[in-house]
């Protein structure tokens, strides 16, 4: 498994990544196979994500940048960021 990349997990929450790892561990599947059993909330309920972003706009500290959360900066960040995990 050394050097292989994990499945594409862009848009996944930490809980979804943990669930994928748990499925992989418990079933003996590799992570790529286990990922097929995960539907990220960003896909299953994008409306709820947008509601939370609207609620946080200008009211909470941004988790990625200093200062208040600004919903207008999210679109730019989504096109340029993502997780990359290398398995060893």
PDB file of N, CA and C in Angstrom:
ATOM      1  N   UNK A   1       0.805  -1.196   0.000  1.00  0.00           N
ATOM      2  CA  UNK A   1       0.000   0.000   0.000  1.00  0.00           C
ATOM      3  C   UNK A   1       0.851   1.264   0.000  1.00  0.00           C
ATOM      4  N   UNK A   2       2.134   1.145   0.212  1.00  0.00           N
ATOM      5  CA  UNK A   2       3.020   2.294   0.325  1.00  0.00           C
ATOM      6  C   UNK A   2       2.997   3.143  -0.936  1.00  0.00           C
ATOM      7  N   UNK A   3       2.847   4.472  -0.734  1.00  0.00           N
ATOM      8  CA  UNK A   3       2.908   5.412  -1.833  1.00  0.00           C
ATOM      9  C   UNK A   3       1.613   5.585  -2.623  1.00  0.00           C
ATOM     10  N   UNK A   4       0.607   4.742  -2.403  1.00  0.00           N
ATOM     11  CA  UNK A   4      -0.653   4.894  -3.129  1.00  0.00           C
ATOM     12  C   UNK A   4      -1.444   6.053  -2.558  1.00  0.00           C
ATOM     13  N   UNK A   5      -2.197   6.708  -3.408  1.00  0.00           N
ATOM     14  CA  UNK A   5      -3.034   7.803  -2.940  1.00  0.00           C
ATOM     15  C   UNK A   5      -4.390   7.280  -2.506  1.00  0.00           C
ATOM     16  N   UNK A   6      -4.973   7.971  -1.554  1.00  0.00           N
ATOM     17  CA  UNK A   6      -6.316   7.636  -1.083  1.00  0.00           C
ATOM     18  C   UNK A   6      -7.331   8.060  -2.136  1.00  0.00           C
ATOM     19  N   UNK A   7      -8.565   7.593  -2.025  1.00  0.00           N
ATOM     20  CA  UNK A   7      -9.593   8.004  -2.971  1.00  0.00           C
ATOM     21  C   UNK A   7      -9.849   9.507  -2.898  1.00  0.00           C
ATOM     22  N   UNK A   8     -10.401  10.056  -3.947  1.00  0.00           N
ATOM     23  CA  UNK A   8     -10.745  11.474  -3.988  1.00  0.00           C
ATOM     24  C   UNK A   8     -11.730  11.783  -2.867  1.00  0.00           C
ATOM     25  N   UNK A   9     -11.356  12.652  -1.964  1.00  0.00           N
ATOM     26  CA  UNK A   9     -12.236  12.979  -0.836  1.00  0.00           C
ATOM     27  C   UNK A   9     -12.526  14.477  -0.771  1.00  0.00           C
ATOM     28  N   UNK A  10     -12.465  15.153  -1.902  1.00  0.00           N
ATOM     29  CA  UNK A  10     -12.795  16.575  -1.941  1.00  0.00           C
ATOM     30  C   UNK A  10     -14.268  16.739  -1.610  1.00  0.00           C
ATOM     31  N   UNK A  11     -14.552  17.627  -0.687  1.00  0.00           N
ATOM     32  CA  UNK A  11     -15.927  17.860  -0.260  1.00  0.00           C
ATOM     33  C   UNK A  11     -16.374  16.958   0.876  1.00  0.00           C
ATOM     34  N   UNK A  12     -15.496  16.071   1.335  1.00  0.00           N
ATOM     35  CA  UNK A  12     -15.832  15.171   2.434  1.00  0.00           C
ATOM     36  C   UNK A  12     -15.591  15.853   3.770  1.00  0.00           C
ATOM     37  N   UNK A  13     -16.391  15.494   4.752  1.00  0.00           N
ATOM     38  CA  UNK A  13     -16.159  15.954   6.122  1.00  0.00           C
ATOM     39  C   UNK A  13     -15.189  14.998   6.794  1.00  0.00           C
ATOM     40  N   UNK A  14     -14.672  15.405   7.922  1.00  0.00           N
ATOM     41  CA  UNK A  14     -13.799  14.519   8.684  1.00  0.00           C
ATOM     42  C   UNK A  14     -14.517  13.239   9.091  1.00  0.00           C
ATOM     43  N   UNK A  15     -15.797  13.355   9.434  1.00  0.00           N
ATOM     44  CA  UNK A  15     -16.573  12.172   9.822  1.00  0.00           C
ATOM     45  C   UNK A  15     -16.718  11.198   8.657  1.00  0.00           C
ATOM     46  N   UNK A  16     -16.852  11.721   7.452  1.00  0.00           N
ATOM     47  CA  UNK A  16     -16.976  10.858   6.273  1.00  0.00           C
ATOM     48  C   UNK A  16     -15.656  10.145   5.977  1.00  0.00           C
ATOM     49  N   UNK A  17     -14.550  10.833   6.158  1.00  0.00           N
ATOM     50  CA  UNK A  17     -13.238  10.207   5.978  1.00  0.00           C
ATOM     51  C   UNK A  17     -13.047   9.118   7.026  1.00  0.00           C
ATOM     52  N   UNK A  18     -13.420   9.406   8.260  1.00  0.00           N
ATOM     53  CA  UNK A  18     -13.320   8.410   9.323  1.00  0.00           C
ATOM     54  C   UNK A  18     -14.211   7.204   9.017  1.00  0.00           C
ATOM     55  N   UNK A  19     -15.424   7.432   8.527  1.00  0.00           N
ATOM     56  CA  UNK A  19     -16.333   6.328   8.187  1.00  0.00           C
ATOM     57  C   UNK A  19     -15.741   5.458   7.080  1.00  0.00           C
ATOM     58  N   UNK A  20     -15.113   6.084   6.105  1.00  0.00           N
ATOM     59  CA  UNK A  20     -14.473   5.339   5.017  1.00  0.00           C
ATOM     60  C   UNK A  20     -13.363   4.455   5.574  1.00  0.00           C
ATOM     61  N   UNK A  21     -12.543   5.008   6.438  1.00  0.00           N
ATOM     62  CA  UNK A  21     -11.462   4.236   7.054  1.00  0.00           C
ATOM     63  C   UNK A  21     -12.029   3.094   7.890  1.00  0.00           C
ATOM     64  N   UNK A  22     -13.113   3.358   8.602  1.00  0.00           N
ATOM     65  CA  UNK A  22     -13.735   2.331   9.431  1.00  0.00           C
ATOM     66  C   UNK A  22     -14.282   1.184   8.576  1.00  0.00           C
ATOM     67  N   UNK A  23     -14.963   1.530   7.490  1.00  0.00           N
ATOM     68  CA  UNK A  23     -15.477   0.508   6.574  1.00  0.00           C
ATOM     69  C   UNK A  23     -14.322  -0.321   6.027  1.00  0.00           C
ATOM     70  N   UNK A  24     -13.267   0.348   5.627  1.00  0.00           N
ATOM     71  CA  UNK A  24     -12.098  -0.339   5.089  1.00  0.00           C
ATOM     72  C   UNK A  24     -11.507  -1.309   6.116  1.00  0.00           C
ATOM     73  N   UNK A  25     -11.351  -0.841   7.331  1.00  0.00           N
ATOM     74  CA  UNK A  25     -10.766  -1.659   8.387  1.00  0.00           C
ATOM     75  C   UNK A  25     -11.645  -2.857   8.723  1.00  0.00           C
ATOM     76  N   UNK A  26     -12.931  -2.606   8.904  1.00  0.00           N
ATOM     77  CA  UNK A  26     -13.842  -3.666   9.349  1.00  0.00           C
ATOM     78  C   UNK A  26     -14.113  -4.722   8.273  1.00  0.00           C
ATOM     79  N   UNK A  27     -14.070  -4.324   7.008  1.00  0.00           N
ATOM     80  CA  UNK A  27     -14.401  -5.266   5.936  1.00  0.00           C
ATOM     81  C   UNK A  27     -13.170  -5.827   5.228  1.00  0.00           C
ATOM     82  N   UNK A  28     -12.020  -5.187   5.429  1.00  0.00           N
ATOM     83  CA  UNK A  28     -10.813  -5.617   4.733  1.00  0.00           C
ATOM     84  C   UNK A  28     -10.716  -5.065   3.318  1.00  0.00           C
ATOM     85  N   UNK A  29     -11.652  -4.192   2.941  1.00  0.00           N
ATOM     86  CA  UNK A  29     -11.594  -3.549   1.617  1.00  0.00           C
ATOM     87  C   UNK A  29     -10.474  -2.529   1.611  1.00  0.00           C
ATOM     88  N   UNK A  30      -9.983  -2.197   0.421  1.00  0.00           N
ATOM     89  CA  UNK A  30      -9.070  -1.068   0.358  1.00  0.00           C
ATOM     90  C   UNK A  30      -9.913   0.212   0.436  1.00  0.00           C
ATOM     91  N   UNK A  31      -9.246   1.343   0.642  1.00  0.00           N
ATOM     92  CA  UNK A  31      -9.976   2.599   0.825  1.00  0.00           C
ATOM     93  C   UNK A  31     -10.786   2.993  -0.405  1.00  0.00           C
ATOM     94  N   UNK A  32     -10.266   2.704  -1.571  1.00  0.00           N
ATOM     95  CA  UNK A  32     -10.983   3.048  -2.800  1.00  0.00           C
ATOM     96  C   UNK A  32     -12.323   2.309  -2.876  1.00  0.00           C
ATOM     97  N   UNK A  33     -12.331   1.034  -2.518  1.00  0.00           N
ATOM     98  CA  UNK A  33     -13.579   0.258  -2.520  1.00  0.00           C
ATOM     99  C   UNK A  33     -14.522   0.751  -1.430  1.00  0.00           C
ATOM    100  N   UNK A  34     -13.981   1.030  -0.250  1.00  0.00           N
ATOM    101  CA  UNK A  34     -14.810   1.507   0.866  1.00  0.00           C
ATOM    102  C   UNK A  34     -15.429   2.864   0.552  1.00  0.00           C
ATOM    103  N   UNK A  35     -14.725   3.691  -0.203  1.00  0.00           N
ATOM    104  CA  UNK A  35     -15.231   5.035  -0.539  1.00  0.00           C
ATOM    105  C   UNK A  35     -16.519   4.971  -1.348  1.00  0.00           C
ATOM    106  N   UNK A  36     -16.753   3.868  -2.026  1.00  0.00           N
ATOM    107  CA  UNK A  36     -17.973   3.721  -2.825  1.00  0.00           C
ATOM    108  C   UNK A  36     -19.213   3.564  -1.958  1.00  0.00           C
ATOM    109  N   UNK A  37     -19.017   3.371  -0.650  1.00  0.00           N
ATOM    110  CA  UNK A  37     -20.129   3.250   0.284  1.00  0.00           C
ATOM    111  C   UNK A  37     -20.395   4.558   1.032  1.00  0.00           C
ATOM    112  N   UNK A  38     -19.718   5.614   0.653  1.00  0.00           N
ATOM    113  CA  UNK A  38     -19.858   6.918   1.305  1.00  0.00           C
ATOM    114  C   UNK A  38     -20.476   7.910   0.328  1.00  0.00           C
ATOM    115  N   UNK A  39     -21.517   8.596   0.769  1.00  0.00           N
ATOM    116  CA  UNK A  39     -22.079   9.710   0.002  1.00  0.00           C
ATOM    117  C   UNK A  39     -21.873  10.954   0.855  1.00  0.00           C
ATOM    118  N   UNK A  40     -20.966  11.833   0.452  1.00  0.00           N
ATOM    119  CA  UNK A  40     -20.694  13.021   1.273  1.00  0.00           C
ATOM    120  C   UNK A  40     -21.916  13.937   1.362  1.00  0.00           C
ATOM    121  N   UNK A  41     -22.053  14.578   2.500  1.00  0.00           N
ATOM    122  CA  UNK A  41     -23.174  15.493   2.704  1.00  0.00           C
ATOM    123  C   UNK A  41     -23.130  16.636   1.684  1.00  0.00           C
ATOM    124  N   UNK A  42     -21.933  16.967   1.194  1.00  0.00           N
ATOM    125  CA  UNK A  42     -21.825  18.015   0.176  1.00  0.00           C
ATOM    126  C   UNK A  42     -22.528  17.610  -1.117  1.00  0.00           C
ATOM    127  N   UNK A  43     -22.716  16.307  -1.333  1.00  0.00           N
ATOM    128  CA  UNK A  43     -23.451  15.811  -2.501  1.00  0.00           C
ATOM    129  C   UNK A  43     -24.910  15.513  -2.164  1.00  0.00           C
ATOM    130  N   UNK A  44     -25.148  14.926  -0.991  1.00  0.00           N
ATOM    131  CA  UNK A  44     -26.500  14.502  -0.639  1.00  0.00           C
ATOM    132  C   UNK A  44     -27.390  15.648  -0.178  1.00  0.00           C
ATOM    133  N   UNK A  45     -26.800  16.705   0.352  1.00  0.00           N
ATOM    134  CA  UNK A  45     -27.606  17.812   0.868  1.00  0.00           C
ATOM    135  C   UNK A  45     -26.891  19.158   0.722  1.00  0.00           C
ATOM    136  N   UNK A  46     -26.597  19.568  -0.512  1.00  0.00           N
ATOM    137  CA  UNK A  46     -25.894  20.847  -0.690  1.00  0.00           C
ATOM    138  C   UNK A  46     -26.702  22.042  -0.182  1.00  0.00           C
ATOM    139  N   UNK A  47     -28.021  21.900  -0.160  1.00  0.00           N
ATOM    140  CA  UNK A  47     -28.866  23.000   0.335  1.00  0.00           C
ATOM    141  C   UNK A  47     -28.594  23.278   1.812  1.00  0.00           C
ATOM    142  N   UNK A  48     -28.412  22.218   2.608  1.00  0.00           N
ATOM    143  CA  UNK A  48     -28.157  22.423   4.030  1.00  0.00           C
ATOM    144  C   UNK A  48     -26.792  23.074   4.247  1.00  0.00           C
ATOM    145  N   UNK A  49     -25.828  22.751   3.400  1.00  0.00           N
ATOM    146  CA  UNK A  49     -24.506  23.382   3.493  1.00  0.00           C
ATOM    147  C   UNK A  49     -24.629  24.874   3.200  1.00  0.00           C
ATOM    148  N   UNK A  50     -25.381  25.216   2.166  1.00  0.00           N
ATOM    149  CA  UNK A  50     -25.561  26.635   1.834  1.00  0.00           C
ATOM    150  C   UNK A  50     -26.306  27.379   2.933  1.00  0.00           C
ATOM    151  N   UNK A  51     -27.269  26.740   3.579  1.00  0.00           N
ATOM    152  CA  UNK A  51     -27.976  27.377   4.700  1.00  0.00           C
ATOM    153  C   UNK A  51     -27.019  27.657   5.855  1.00  0.00           C
ATOM    154  N   UNK A  52     -26.151  26.699   6.148  1.00  0.00           N
ATOM    155  CA  UNK A  52     -25.183  26.902   7.225  1.00  0.00           C
ATOM    156  C   UNK A  52     -24.194  28.012   6.874  1.00  0.00           C
ATOM    157  N   UNK A  53     -23.762  28.058   5.622  1.00  0.00           N
ATOM    158  CA  UNK A  53     -22.847  29.118   5.198  1.00  0.00           C
ATOM    159  C   UNK A  53     -23.508  30.486   5.304  1.00  0.00           C
ATOM    160  N   UNK A  54     -24.774  30.570   4.898  1.00  0.00           N
ATOM    161  CA  UNK A  54     -25.502  31.843   4.978  1.00  0.00           C
ATOM    162  C   UNK A  54     -25.650  32.269   6.442  1.00  0.00           C
ATOM    163  N   UNK A  55     -25.926  31.308   7.312  1.00  0.00           N
ATOM    164  CA  UNK A  55     -26.074  31.623   8.729  1.00  0.00           C
ATOM    165  C   UNK A  55     -24.753  32.118   9.316  1.00  0.00           C
ATOM    166  N   UNK A  56     -23.627  31.533   8.895  1.00  0.00           N
ATOM    167  CA  UNK A  56     -22.318  31.885   9.444  1.00  0.00           C
ATOM    168  C   UNK A  56     -21.770  33.188   8.875  1.00  0.00           C
ATOM    169  N   UNK A  57     -22.268  33.623   7.736  1.00  0.00           N
ATOM    170  CA  UNK A  57     -21.736  34.796   7.039  1.00  0.00           C
ATOM    171  C   UNK A  57     -21.696  36.031   7.945  1.00  0.00           C
ATOM    172  N   UNK A  58     -20.483  36.508   8.210  1.00  0.00           N
ATOM    173  CA  UNK A  58     -20.301  37.716   9.013  1.00  0.00           C
ATOM    174  C   UNK A  58     -20.553  37.536  10.497  1.00  0.00           C
ATOM    175  N   UNK A  59     -20.806  36.297  10.963  1.00  0.00           N
ATOM    176  CA  UNK A  59     -21.132  36.069  12.372  1.00  0.00           C
ATOM    177  C   UNK A  59     -20.105  35.218  13.107  1.00  0.00           C
ATOM    178  N   UNK A  60     -19.332  34.427  12.362  1.00  0.00           N
ATOM    179  CA  UNK A  60     -18.406  33.499  12.993  1.00  0.00           C
ATOM    180  C   UNK A  60     -17.004  33.660  12.411  1.00  0.00           C
ATOM    181  N   UNK A  61     -16.020  33.205  13.164  1.00  0.00           N
ATOM    182  CA  UNK A  61     -14.631  33.232  12.709  1.00  0.00           C
ATOM    183  C   UNK A  61     -14.461  32.200  11.599  1.00  0.00           C
ATOM    184  N   UNK A  62     -13.744  32.577  10.547  1.00  0.00           N
ATOM    185  CA  UNK A  62     -13.475  31.677   9.429  1.00  0.00           C
ATOM    186  C   UNK A  62     -12.454  30.623   9.860  1.00  0.00           C
ATOM    187  N   UNK A  63     -12.708  29.375   9.528  1.00  0.00           N
ATOM    188  CA  UNK A  63     -11.802  28.287   9.911  1.00  0.00           C
ATOM    189  C   UNK A  63     -10.550  28.252   9.045  1.00  0.00           C
ATOM    190  N   UNK A  64     -10.567  28.910   7.890  1.00  0.00           N
ATOM    191  CA  UNK A  64      -9.446  28.846   6.961  1.00  0.00           C
ATOM    192  C   UNK A  64      -8.622  30.127   6.889  1.00  0.00           C
ATOM    193  N   UNK A  65      -9.205  31.234   7.283  1.00  0.00           N
ATOM    194  CA  UNK A  65      -8.522  32.531   7.182  1.00  0.00           C
ATOM    195  C   UNK A  65      -8.783  33.352   8.438  1.00  0.00           C
ATOM    196  N   UNK A  66      -7.911  34.295   8.718  1.00  0.00           N
ATOM    197  CA  UNK A  66      -8.161  35.174   9.870  1.00  0.00           C
ATOM    198  C   UNK A  66      -9.404  36.041   9.625  1.00  0.00           C
ATOM    199  N   UNK A  67     -10.118  36.328  10.672  1.00  0.00           N
ATOM    200  CA  UNK A  67     -11.267  37.215  10.565  1.00  0.00           C
ATOM    201  C   UNK A  67     -12.591  36.479  10.457  1.00  0.00           C
ATOM    202  N   UNK A  68     -13.618  37.261  10.170  1.00  0.00           N
ATOM    203  CA  UNK A  68     -14.971  36.731  10.086  1.00  0.00           C
ATOM    204  C   UNK A  68     -15.163  35.924   8.802  1.00  0.00           C
ATOM    205  N   UNK A  69     -16.062  34.969   8.882  1.00  0.00           N
ATOM    206  CA  UNK A  69     -16.406  34.161   7.713  1.00  0.00           C
ATOM    207  C   UNK A  69     -17.120  35.033   6.691  1.00  0.00           C
ATOM    208  N   UNK A  70     -16.694  34.951   5.441  1.00  0.00           N
ATOM    209  CA  UNK A  70     -17.310  35.700   4.339  1.00  0.00           C
ATOM    210  C   UNK A  70     -17.715  34.689   3.272  1.00  0.00           C
ATOM    211  N   UNK A  71     -18.996  34.533   3.069  1.00  0.00           N
ATOM    212  CA  UNK A  71     -19.517  33.545   2.126  1.00  0.00           C
ATOM    213  C   UNK A  71     -18.985  33.773   0.712  1.00  0.00           C
ATOM    214  N   UNK A  72     -18.639  34.988   0.370  1.00  0.00           N
ATOM    215  CA  UNK A  72     -18.144  35.289  -0.976  1.00  0.00           C
ATOM    216  C   UNK A  72     -16.746  34.742  -1.225  1.00  0.00           C
ATOM    217  N   UNK A  73     -15.986  34.450  -0.167  1.00  0.00           N
ATOM    218  CA  UNK A  73     -14.650  33.881  -0.338  1.00  0.00           C
ATOM    219  C   UNK A  73     -14.687  32.361  -0.476  1.00  0.00           C
ATOM    220  N   UNK A  74     -15.821  31.736  -0.187  1.00  0.00           N
ATOM    221  CA  UNK A  74     -15.927  30.272  -0.225  1.00  0.00           C
ATOM    222  C   UNK A  74     -15.785  29.740  -1.640  1.00  0.00           C
ATOM    223  N   UNK A  75     -16.433  30.351  -2.610  1.00  0.00           N
ATOM    224  CA  UNK A  75     -16.398  29.841  -3.979  1.00  0.00           C
ATOM    225  C   UNK A  75     -14.974  29.767  -4.511  1.00  0.00           C
ATOM    226  N   UNK A  76     -14.168  30.765  -4.254  1.00  0.00           N
ATOM    227  CA  UNK A  76     -12.779  30.761  -4.717  1.00  0.00           C
ATOM    228  C   UNK A  76     -11.985  29.651  -4.037  1.00  0.00           C
ATOM    229  N   UNK A  77     -12.223  29.449  -2.758  1.00  0.00           N
ATOM    230  CA  UNK A  77     -11.498  28.427  -2.006  1.00  0.00           C
ATOM    231  C   UNK A  77     -11.874  27.034  -2.485  1.00  0.00           C
ATOM    232  N   UNK A  78     -13.136  26.798  -2.809  1.00  0.00           N
ATOM    233  CA  UNK A  78     -13.580  25.472  -3.229  1.00  0.00           C
ATOM    234  C   UNK A  78     -12.939  25.024  -4.535  1.00  0.00           C
ATOM    235  N   UNK A  79     -12.617  25.928  -5.402  1.00  0.00           N
ATOM    236  CA  UNK A  79     -12.032  25.532  -6.684  1.00  0.00           C
ATOM    237  C   UNK A  79     -10.533  25.299  -6.593  1.00  0.00           C
ATOM    238  N   UNK A  80      -9.902  25.747  -5.503  1.00  0.00           N
ATOM    239  CA  UNK A  80      -8.454  25.632  -5.415  1.00  0.00           C
ATOM    240  C   UNK A  80      -7.974  24.701  -4.313  1.00  0.00           C
ATOM    241  N   UNK A  81      -8.856  24.234  -3.456  1.00  0.00           N
ATOM    242  CA  UNK A  81      -8.373  23.435  -2.331  1.00  0.00           C
ATOM    243  C   UNK A  81      -8.946  22.033  -2.381  1.00  0.00           C
ATOM    244  N   UNK A  82      -8.370  21.209  -1.564  1.00  0.00           N
ATOM    245  CA  UNK A  82      -8.827  19.838  -1.416  1.00  0.00           C
ATOM    246  C   UNK A  82      -7.804  19.064  -0.608  1.00  0.00           C
ATOM    247  N   UNK A  83      -8.199  17.935  -0.171  1.00  0.00           N
ATOM    248  CA  UNK A  83      -7.296  17.101   0.607  1.00  0.00           C
ATOM    249  C   UNK A  83      -6.555  16.147  -0.297  1.00  0.00           C
ATOM    250  N   UNK A  84      -5.328  15.883   0.042  1.00  0.00           N
ATOM    251  CA  UNK A  84      -4.569  14.858  -0.645  1.00  0.00           C
ATOM    252  C   UNK A  84      -3.898  14.005   0.419  1.00  0.00           C
ATOM    253  N   UNK A  85      -4.238  12.756   0.412  1.00  0.00           N
ATOM    254  CA  UNK A  85      -3.711  11.844   1.422  1.00  0.00           C
ATOM    255  C   UNK A  85      -2.883  10.785   0.702  1.00  0.00           C
ATOM    256  N   UNK A  86      -1.671  10.570   1.168  1.00  0.00           N
ATOM    257  CA  UNK A  86      -0.834   9.526   0.616  1.00  0.00           C
ATOM    258  C   UNK A  86      -0.736   8.403   1.631  1.00  0.00           C
ATOM    259  N   UNK A  87      -1.042   7.195   1.212  1.00  0.00           N
ATOM    260  CA  UNK A  87      -1.005   6.048   2.104  1.00  0.00           C
ATOM    261  C   UNK A  87       0.407   5.480   2.158  1.00  0.00           C
ATOM    262  N   UNK A  88       0.813   5.111   3.339  1.00  0.00           N
ATOM    263  CA  UNK A  88       2.144   4.517   3.506  1.00  0.00           C
ATOM    264  C   UNK A  88       2.049   3.167   4.138  1.00  0.00           C
TER     265      UNK A  88
END
